[in-house]
Structure formats: structure tokens, C-alpha cells
Amino acid sequence: MVEAPSDAPEKDTVIDGDDNELFQPQISIEAQFIKDLSFENPVGPNVTEAITQAPEVNVEVSTNARPLEGDKYEVAIVIRGEAKTPEATVFIVELTYAGVLTISNAPQDAIGPILLIEGARLLFPFARNIVADVSRDGGFPPLLINPIDFAQLYRDQHVAEGSTNGVAPN
């Protein structure tokens, strides 16, 4: 049987004579680490009384990135969770989780979105797990953070701020 040639362009080819080359950015994680972690339990020994009623939980997430040497960047996810009842603050957890990422084969104007969307997306499951473990180890049910749309977070946090790419200067 003879195969018919495909009409689809080959990978990394230029279409319609456009001078813009296609690029396949590469991202790799070199290291991951807890940069800062804090857990506060203001109710102390009254934990069992405090969790008899469901607290209102507020979670805030932000991202930032900064260049290191060469094509390496530090990406950080900052998570702050606070659980309150009408009577008191039950617990507060704050985590800054970071990673050293290497970006290659990407235009300069795409590095910020790649780091703060894809880089943050790669680091998030680890940060989420740490928050859940710390809140559980603090005597409360684990704080499970829902998945985050890092593309929308990037638009809200960095594009709205007028920053060109979201990466802090070195």
C-alpha cells in the first residue's frame, strides 16, 4: 500500500512565507524549595472547639519571577490561607514556594508568561501539598486548594499592573 503525502506542514516549518520562525520553548526545573513558611494557630488548645463549626476560608495566590544567571530564573508562588469563624481566626498559613527554572529557545517577550503561567503550573502541586500537610499537622482538616488558572492569574496580576512581562529586573 502506498501512503499519500500529508498536507500538514512538517514540524518547525515556516508557513505562507512568513518571516516569523516558529519556536518550541523548553522549560526545565533545576530545583524546588520552600522559601518561607509560616503557620499560626491562634486558638491553641481550643482547636477541637474551633473546628466544630465550619470556618470561612480565604486563599490568596500570587506569583513572581526574577532572573538569575544565564537562562535561569526563580519563580515563586505565594499562598496565604486564613480560616475564620465569626468568633476568631482559626489558623493562618503562609507559604512562598519557589523553583529555579531554565528556559531555552524562547523569545525574550515570551519568557515572563512562560515562567508565570507554565512554571507556576508545574510548581503548584507541590505547594498545594505543603499547605495541606501543614494545616493538617497544625490540628485542622487539610486545606485543599482548588486548581488555579495561572493564565488568568497572570492577566489579572501582571498585565493589569502594566508590567511588560512579569519578570522582576535582576
Protein backbone atom coordinates (compact mmCIF):
# COMPACT_ATOMS: atom_id res chain seq x y z
CA MET A 1 0.00 0.00 0.00
CA VAL A 2 1.33 3.43 -0.93
CA GLU A 3 0.97 6.25 1.58
CA ALA A 4 -0.33 9.56 0.32
CA PRO A 5 1.75 12.60 1.25
CA SER A 6 0.38 14.61 4.13
CA ASP A 7 -0.85 18.15 3.53
CA ALA A 8 0.14 19.12 7.09
CA PRO A 9 3.33 21.16 7.39
CA GLU A 10 6.34 19.49 8.92
CA LYS A 11 7.23 20.43 12.48
CA ASP A 12 9.00 23.80 12.85
CA THR A 13 8.41 24.89 9.25
CA VAL A 14 7.54 28.40 8.17
CA ILE A 15 4.00 28.75 6.83
CA ASP A 16 2.98 31.10 3.98
CA GLY A 17 6.47 32.59 3.70
CA ASP A 18 6.07 34.49 7.00
CA ASP A 19 9.42 35.69 8.32
CA ASN A 20 8.48 34.76 11.90
CA GLU A 21 10.10 31.48 12.86
CA LEU A 22 8.17 29.02 14.97
CA PHE A 23 9.73 28.28 18.31
CA GLN A 24 9.44 25.40 20.71
CA PRO A 25 10.35 26.79 24.14
CA GLN A 26 11.88 24.35 26.57
CA ILE A 27 11.33 24.67 30.33
CA SER A 28 13.03 22.57 32.97
CA ILE A 29 13.00 22.65 36.74
CA GLU A 30 16.50 22.69 38.23
CA ALA A 31 15.45 22.93 41.91
CA GLN A 32 12.37 23.41 44.10
CA PHE A 33 12.33 24.70 47.67
CA ILE A 34 10.33 26.29 50.46
CA LYS A 35 11.48 29.89 50.63
CA ASP A 36 9.25 30.88 53.54
CA LEU A 37 6.64 29.01 55.59
CA SER A 38 4.51 30.18 58.48
CA PHE A 39 1.62 28.56 60.32
CA GLU A 40 -0.29 30.31 63.09
CA ASN A 41 -2.81 28.65 65.38
CA PRO A 42 -4.32 31.47 67.47
CA VAL A 43 -6.93 29.17 69.07
CA GLY A 44 -4.20 26.95 70.53
CA PRO A 45 -5.59 24.27 72.84
CA ASN A 46 -9.18 25.11 71.80
CA VAL A 47 -8.70 23.51 68.37
CA THR A 48 -11.44 20.93 68.87
CA GLU A 49 -13.97 23.61 69.84
CA ALA A 50 -12.91 25.88 66.97
CA ILE A 51 -13.45 23.24 64.27
CA THR A 52 -16.93 22.20 65.40
CA GLN A 53 -18.28 24.86 63.06
CA ALA A 54 -17.02 25.20 59.51
CA PRO A 55 -14.74 28.22 59.26
CA GLU A 56 -14.77 30.61 56.33
CA VAL A 57 -11.54 30.05 54.42
CA ASN A 58 -9.94 32.70 52.24
CA VAL A 59 -6.99 31.78 50.00
CA GLU A 60 -4.89 34.30 48.07
CA VAL A 61 -2.30 33.29 45.49
CA SER A 62 0.25 35.39 43.65
CA THR A 63 3.28 34.66 41.51
CA ASN A 64 6.54 36.40 40.74
CA ALA A 65 9.75 35.68 38.91
CA ARG A 66 13.23 37.10 38.75
CA PRO A 67 16.20 36.39 36.54
CA LEU A 68 19.23 34.55 37.87
CA GLU A 69 22.35 33.89 35.79
CA GLY A 70 22.14 32.96 32.13
CA ASP A 71 18.86 31.36 31.15
CA LYS A 72 17.88 30.50 34.75
CA TYR A 73 15.03 32.17 36.62
CA GLU A 74 13.49 31.91 40.07
CA VAL A 75 9.71 31.51 40.05
CA ALA A 76 7.81 31.86 43.32
CA ILE A 77 4.22 31.07 44.26
CA VAL A 78 2.97 32.92 47.33
CA ILE A 79 -0.04 31.33 49.05
CA ARG A 80 -1.84 32.82 52.04
CA GLY A 81 -4.73 30.93 53.59
CA GLU A 82 -6.80 32.16 56.51
CA ALA A 83 -9.63 30.32 58.26
CA LYS A 84 -12.04 32.31 60.43
CA THR A 85 -15.18 31.70 62.40
CA PRO A 86 -17.40 34.61 63.46
CA GLU A 87 -15.66 34.50 66.84
CA ALA A 88 -11.99 34.16 65.94
CA THR A 89 -9.26 33.46 63.44
CA VAL A 90 -8.76 29.70 63.48
CA PHE A 91 -5.48 29.46 61.55
CA ILE A 92 -3.27 31.31 59.09
CA VAL A 93 -0.85 29.60 56.72
CA GLU A 94 1.61 31.46 54.50
CA LEU A 95 3.89 29.75 52.03
CA THR A 96 6.37 31.03 49.49
CA TYR A 97 7.35 28.09 47.33
CA ALA A 98 9.97 28.62 44.65
CA GLY A 99 11.80 26.86 41.90
CA VAL A 100 14.80 27.52 39.72
CA LEU A 101 13.72 27.08 36.12
CA THR A 102 15.71 27.09 32.91
CA ILE A 103 14.11 28.46 29.74
CA SER A 104 15.60 27.91 26.32
CA ASN A 105 14.52 28.54 22.75
CA ALA A 106 12.06 31.28 23.69
CA PRO A 107 11.87 34.90 22.58
CA GLN A 108 12.56 37.43 25.33
CA ASP A 109 8.97 38.77 25.39
CA ALA A 110 7.59 35.25 25.98
CA ILE A 111 9.76 34.41 29.00
CA GLY A 112 7.54 36.17 31.57
CA PRO A 113 4.33 34.40 30.54
CA ILE A 114 6.13 31.05 30.25
CA LEU A 115 7.57 31.37 33.75
CA LEU A 116 4.48 32.76 35.47
CA ILE A 117 1.95 30.51 33.74
CA GLU A 118 3.69 27.24 32.88
CA GLY A 119 6.40 27.46 35.53
CA ALA A 120 3.87 28.23 38.27
CA ARG A 121 1.61 25.44 36.98
CA LEU A 122 4.49 22.95 37.32
CA LEU A 123 5.32 24.07 40.89
CA PHE A 124 1.75 24.40 42.18
CA PRO A 125 1.01 20.73 43.05
CA PHE A 126 3.99 20.68 45.41
CA ALA A 127 3.00 23.95 47.08
CA ARG A 128 -0.61 22.76 47.38
CA ASN A 129 0.58 19.59 49.11
CA ILE A 130 2.70 21.53 51.60
CA VAL A 131 -0.25 23.77 52.56
CA ALA A 132 -2.49 20.71 53.05
CA ASP A 133 0.12 18.92 55.16
CA VAL A 134 0.90 21.95 57.33
CA SER A 135 -2.75 22.71 58.07
CA ARG A 136 -3.38 19.04 58.88
CA ASP A 137 -0.27 18.83 61.06
CA GLY A 138 -1.49 22.01 62.79
CA GLY A 139 -4.53 20.09 64.07
CA PHE A 140 -7.07 21.06 61.41
CA PRO A 141 -8.56 19.36 58.38
CA PRO A 142 -6.17 19.77 55.43
CA LEU A 143 -6.61 22.98 53.45
CA LEU A 144 -7.03 21.69 49.90
CA ILE A 145 -6.60 24.47 47.36
CA ASN A 146 -8.59 24.10 44.14
CA PRO A 147 -6.66 24.13 40.85
CA ILE A 148 -5.65 27.61 39.72
CA ASP A 149 -5.90 29.12 36.25
CA PHE A 150 -2.41 30.60 36.11
CA ALA A 151 -3.09 32.20 32.72
CA GLN A 152 -5.94 34.23 34.24
CA LEU A 153 -3.84 34.98 37.34
CA TYR A 154 -1.07 36.25 35.04
CA ARG A 155 -3.52 38.51 33.21
CA ASP A 156 -5.01 39.81 36.47
CA GLN A 157 -1.75 40.28 38.34
CA HIS A 158 0.87 41.20 35.76
CA VAL A 159 -0.89 42.51 32.67
CA ALA A 160 -3.22 44.68 34.78
CA GLU A 161 -0.18 46.11 36.59
CA GLY A 162 1.24 47.20 33.26
CA SER A 163 4.39 45.14 33.64
CA THR A 164 5.80 44.15 30.29
CA ASN A 165 6.47 40.51 31.04
CA GLY A 166 6.02 39.94 34.79
CA VAL A 167 9.69 39.20 35.49
CA ALA A 168 11.30 41.50 38.05
CA PRO A 169 14.56 43.09 36.99
CA ASN A 170 17.69 41.49 38.36
